[in-house]
Amino acid sequence: MVKLGAVSVHGDELLLGLAGPNETFGEPLSTVQAYEAVTLADSDLLCMTMVEVRESQDLANDLLGAVVLRHRQSEYLLSLLGLRRVEERVRGFLELLAQDYGQPCEQGLRLNLRLTHQEMASALSTTRVTVTRVIGLLRDEGWLKIDGQRHLVITHSPCK
């Protein structure tokens, strides 16, 4: 897993998206200045030039698929920001992560990635304290659990 982000003009870290196994990121998929990619787990990265992509129809098709996935994820994240209730934003964000990266387990879908409450707050335009409070509420209602390895588990099947 790779966390894709940037730094705002005020020095705040911004979460722009995530890239999982075999997902493409970087140029030309972003025009954001101060773009950064941070691995959340041991990762092997393959760097390619646009010349290599242009010379291979298979690579070009793969890149197009990656653009579509990145666009879908970005559009969904933007739609979450339009929600007034932070609880709905947090729930929607966790559903996106579960749908894209969740691993089935006995209790639901386990998120094997670790994002801090601050990183989630950054992605959802709220505060770390609010994200922590909402996660507590979701746990209290049984919608969210934390397993023995401290990973989040969404206890239902996300549908979008």
Foldseek 3Di string as FASTA:
>chain_A
DKFKWAADPVRDIATQDDADPPADDDPPLDPDPRIDIHDQDDDDDDDDDVVVCVVDVVSVVSVVVNSVVSVVGNVQLVVLLPDPDVLSSLVSVVLVQQVVPFDDDPQATWRPGDDQLQNSCNSNVHHSVVSVVSVVVCVVVVQWDADPVRIIGGRDRRDD
